[in-house]
Amino acid sequence: MSNDPLHGKTLQTIVEQLVDFYGFDTLGELVKIKCFNENPSVKSSLTFLRKTDWARKKVEDLYIKTLPKFP
């Protein structure tokens, strides 16, 4: 068993859970990237995050910090 909280989670699952929890407005404040602030959608965010390692890392870090708050 992995201790990695991201183990087995797809990027899509991570983004969808964060959007469900925060909404794009708050998510765009917490992770200042264009795909969350201008015409945001899960699909466009995934396209950007898959190509942009630093942005993906920020989203993954936020996900790990948010895990205890998820219902």
N, C-alpha and C. Protein backbone atom coordinates (compact mmCIF):
# COMPACT_ATOMS: atom_id res chain seq x y z
N MET A 1 0.84 -1.20 0.00
CA MET A 1 0.00 0.00 0.00
C MET A 1 0.88 1.25 0.00
N SER A 2 0.52 2.20 -0.81
CA SER A 2 1.31 3.42 -0.94
C SER A 2 0.86 4.46 0.08
N ASN A 3 1.82 5.19 0.63
CA ASN A 3 1.49 6.30 1.52
C ASN A 3 1.24 7.58 0.75
N ASP A 4 1.42 7.54 -0.55
CA ASP A 4 1.22 8.71 -1.40
C ASP A 4 -0.27 8.98 -1.55
N PRO A 5 -0.75 10.15 -1.06
CA PRO A 5 -2.19 10.44 -1.16
C PRO A 5 -2.67 10.59 -2.61
N LEU A 6 -1.73 10.77 -3.54
CA LEU A 6 -2.11 10.89 -4.95
C LEU A 6 -2.14 9.54 -5.65
N HIS A 7 -1.69 8.50 -4.96
CA HIS A 7 -1.61 7.18 -5.58
C HIS A 7 -2.99 6.72 -6.05
N GLY A 8 -3.08 6.36 -7.31
CA GLY A 8 -4.33 5.86 -7.84
C GLY A 8 -5.33 6.94 -8.23
N LYS A 9 -4.97 8.20 -8.02
CA LYS A 9 -5.87 9.30 -8.38
C LYS A 9 -5.47 9.84 -9.75
N THR A 10 -6.43 9.98 -10.63
CA THR A 10 -6.13 10.60 -11.91
C THR A 10 -6.17 12.11 -11.73
N LEU A 11 -5.50 12.80 -12.62
CA LEU A 11 -5.53 14.26 -12.59
C LEU A 11 -6.97 14.75 -12.72
N GLN A 12 -7.75 14.07 -13.53
CA GLN A 12 -9.15 14.47 -13.71
C GLN A 12 -9.92 14.37 -12.38
N THR A 13 -9.72 13.29 -11.65
CA THR A 13 -10.38 13.12 -10.35
C THR A 13 -9.97 14.23 -9.40
N ILE A 14 -8.69 14.54 -9.37
CA ILE A 14 -8.17 15.59 -8.48
C ILE A 14 -8.82 16.93 -8.82
N VAL A 15 -8.82 17.30 -10.10
CA VAL A 15 -9.39 18.58 -10.52
C VAL A 15 -10.89 18.60 -10.22
N GLU A 16 -11.59 17.53 -10.54
CA GLU A 16 -13.05 17.50 -10.31
C GLU A 16 -13.38 17.63 -8.83
N GLN A 17 -12.62 16.96 -7.97
CA GLN A 17 -12.88 17.05 -6.54
C GLN A 17 -12.61 18.47 -6.02
N LEU A 18 -11.53 19.09 -6.51
CA LEU A 18 -11.23 20.45 -6.08
C LEU A 18 -12.29 21.44 -6.57
N VAL A 19 -12.74 21.27 -7.81
CA VAL A 19 -13.78 22.16 -8.35
C VAL A 19 -15.08 21.97 -7.57
N ASP A 20 -15.43 20.71 -7.26
CA ASP A 20 -16.65 20.46 -6.49
C ASP A 20 -16.56 21.09 -5.10
N PHE A 21 -15.38 21.04 -4.51
CA PHE A 21 -15.20 21.53 -3.15
C PHE A 21 -15.10 23.05 -3.10
N TYR A 22 -14.28 23.63 -3.96
CA TYR A 22 -14.00 25.07 -3.91
C TYR A 22 -14.79 25.88 -4.93
N GLY A 23 -15.12 25.29 -6.07
CA GLY A 23 -15.63 26.06 -7.20
C GLY A 23 -14.46 26.72 -7.91
N PHE A 24 -14.66 27.08 -9.16
CA PHE A 24 -13.55 27.66 -9.93
C PHE A 24 -13.10 29.01 -9.38
N ASP A 25 -14.03 29.82 -8.83
CA ASP A 25 -13.65 31.15 -8.32
C ASP A 25 -12.60 31.04 -7.23
N THR A 26 -12.89 30.23 -6.22
CA THR A 26 -11.94 30.07 -5.11
C THR A 26 -10.69 29.33 -5.57
N LEU A 27 -10.88 28.34 -6.41
CA LEU A 27 -9.74 27.58 -6.92
C LEU A 27 -8.78 28.51 -7.67
N GLY A 28 -9.34 29.44 -8.43
CA GLY A 28 -8.52 30.42 -9.16
C GLY A 28 -7.77 31.37 -8.26
N GLU A 29 -8.31 31.61 -7.05
CA GLU A 29 -7.60 32.45 -6.07
C GLU A 29 -6.48 31.65 -5.40
N LEU A 30 -6.75 30.38 -5.13
CA LEU A 30 -5.78 29.54 -4.43
C LEU A 30 -4.63 29.11 -5.33
N VAL A 31 -4.94 28.83 -6.58
CA VAL A 31 -3.92 28.45 -7.57
C VAL A 31 -4.08 29.42 -8.73
N LYS A 32 -3.19 30.40 -8.77
CA LYS A 32 -3.34 31.49 -9.75
C LYS A 32 -2.86 31.07 -11.13
N ILE A 33 -3.70 30.32 -11.80
CA ILE A 33 -3.40 29.94 -13.18
C ILE A 33 -4.60 30.27 -14.05
N LYS A 34 -4.31 30.67 -15.25
CA LYS A 34 -5.31 31.19 -16.17
C LYS A 34 -6.47 30.23 -16.41
N CYS A 35 -6.17 28.94 -16.48
CA CYS A 35 -7.22 27.97 -16.82
C CYS A 35 -8.30 27.88 -15.74
N PHE A 36 -8.03 28.38 -14.52
CA PHE A 36 -9.05 28.40 -13.48
C PHE A 36 -9.78 29.75 -13.43
N ASN A 37 -9.22 30.75 -14.09
CA ASN A 37 -9.77 32.10 -13.97
C ASN A 37 -10.43 32.63 -15.24
N GLU A 38 -10.08 32.11 -16.39
CA GLU A 38 -10.65 32.60 -17.65
C GLU A 38 -11.36 31.46 -18.37
N ASN A 39 -12.68 31.57 -18.47
CA ASN A 39 -13.50 30.52 -19.10
C ASN A 39 -13.13 29.13 -18.58
N PRO A 40 -13.18 28.94 -17.26
CA PRO A 40 -12.70 27.68 -16.71
C PRO A 40 -13.61 26.50 -17.05
N SER A 41 -12.98 25.38 -17.31
CA SER A 41 -13.70 24.11 -17.42
C SER A 41 -12.72 23.02 -17.01
N VAL A 42 -13.25 21.90 -16.59
CA VAL A 42 -12.38 20.79 -16.20
C VAL A 42 -11.54 20.37 -17.39
N LYS A 43 -12.17 20.30 -18.56
CA LYS A 43 -11.45 19.83 -19.76
C LYS A 43 -10.27 20.74 -20.11
N SER A 44 -10.49 22.06 -20.13
CA SER A 44 -9.40 22.97 -20.48
C SER A 44 -8.32 22.97 -19.40
N SER A 45 -8.74 22.83 -18.16
CA SER A 45 -7.77 22.78 -17.06
C SER A 45 -6.88 21.55 -17.18
N LEU A 46 -7.49 20.41 -17.51
CA LEU A 46 -6.71 19.17 -17.65
C LEU A 46 -5.71 19.30 -18.79
N THR A 47 -6.13 19.88 -19.89
CA THR A 47 -5.24 20.07 -21.04
C THR A 47 -4.02 20.88 -20.63
N PHE A 48 -4.25 21.97 -19.90
CA PHE A 48 -3.15 22.83 -19.46
C PHE A 48 -2.27 22.12 -18.44
N LEU A 49 -2.89 21.51 -17.44
CA LEU A 49 -2.12 20.90 -16.35
C LEU A 49 -1.28 19.72 -16.82
N ARG A 50 -1.76 19.01 -17.82
CA ARG A 50 -0.98 17.87 -18.32
C ARG A 50 0.30 18.33 -19.02
N LYS A 51 0.30 19.56 -19.50
CA LYS A 51 1.49 20.07 -20.21
C LYS A 51 2.38 20.93 -19.32
N THR A 52 1.90 21.29 -18.13
CA THR A 52 2.57 22.31 -17.32
C THR A 52 2.87 21.76 -15.93
N ASP A 53 4.09 21.27 -15.76
CA ASP A 53 4.44 20.58 -14.51
C ASP A 53 4.30 21.44 -13.26
N TRP A 54 4.75 22.71 -13.33
CA TRP A 54 4.70 23.55 -12.12
C TRP A 54 3.25 23.80 -11.69
N ALA A 55 2.36 23.95 -12.65
CA ALA A 55 0.95 24.20 -12.32
C ALA A 55 0.32 22.92 -11.76
N ARG A 56 0.65 21.80 -12.36
CA ARG A 56 0.12 20.52 -11.87
C ARG A 56 0.57 20.29 -10.43
N LYS A 57 1.82 20.61 -10.14
CA LYS A 57 2.35 20.44 -8.78
C LYS A 57 1.56 21.29 -7.79
N LYS A 58 1.24 22.53 -8.16
CA LYS A 58 0.46 23.40 -7.27
C LYS A 58 -0.93 22.81 -7.00
N VAL A 59 -1.54 22.28 -8.05
CA VAL A 59 -2.87 21.69 -7.91
C VAL A 59 -2.79 20.44 -7.03
N GLU A 60 -1.78 19.61 -7.25
CA GLU A 60 -1.61 18.41 -6.43
C GLU A 60 -1.33 18.76 -4.97
N ASP A 61 -0.52 19.79 -4.74
CA ASP A 61 -0.24 20.22 -3.36
C ASP A 61 -1.51 20.71 -2.67
N LEU A 62 -2.32 21.48 -3.39
CA LEU A 62 -3.59 21.96 -2.83
C LEU A 62 -4.50 20.78 -2.52
N TYR A 63 -4.53 19.81 -3.41
CA TYR A 63 -5.37 18.62 -3.20
C TYR A 63 -4.96 17.91 -1.90
N ILE A 64 -3.66 17.73 -1.70
CA ILE A 64 -3.16 17.05 -0.50
C ILE A 64 -3.54 17.85 0.75
N LYS A 65 -3.41 19.18 0.68
CA LYS A 65 -3.77 20.03 1.82
C LYS A 65 -5.27 19.97 2.09
N THR A 66 -6.07 19.79 1.05
CA THR A 66 -7.54 19.82 1.17
C THR A 66 -8.11 18.47 1.58
N LEU A 67 -7.36 17.38 1.38
CA LEU A 67 -7.87 16.04 1.66
C LEU A 67 -8.60 15.91 3.00
N PRO A 68 -8.04 16.44 4.10
CA PRO A 68 -8.74 16.27 5.39
C PRO A 68 -10.11 16.97 5.42
N LYS A 69 -10.34 17.93 4.54
CA LYS A 69 -11.60 18.68 4.55
C LYS A 69 -12.68 18.02 3.69
N PHE A 70 -12.27 17.09 2.81
CA PHE A 70 -13.26 16.45 1.94
C PHE A 70 -14.21 15.61 2.80
N PRO A 71 -15.51 15.62 2.46
CA PRO A 71 -16.47 14.81 3.23
C PRO A 71 -16.22 13.32 3.02
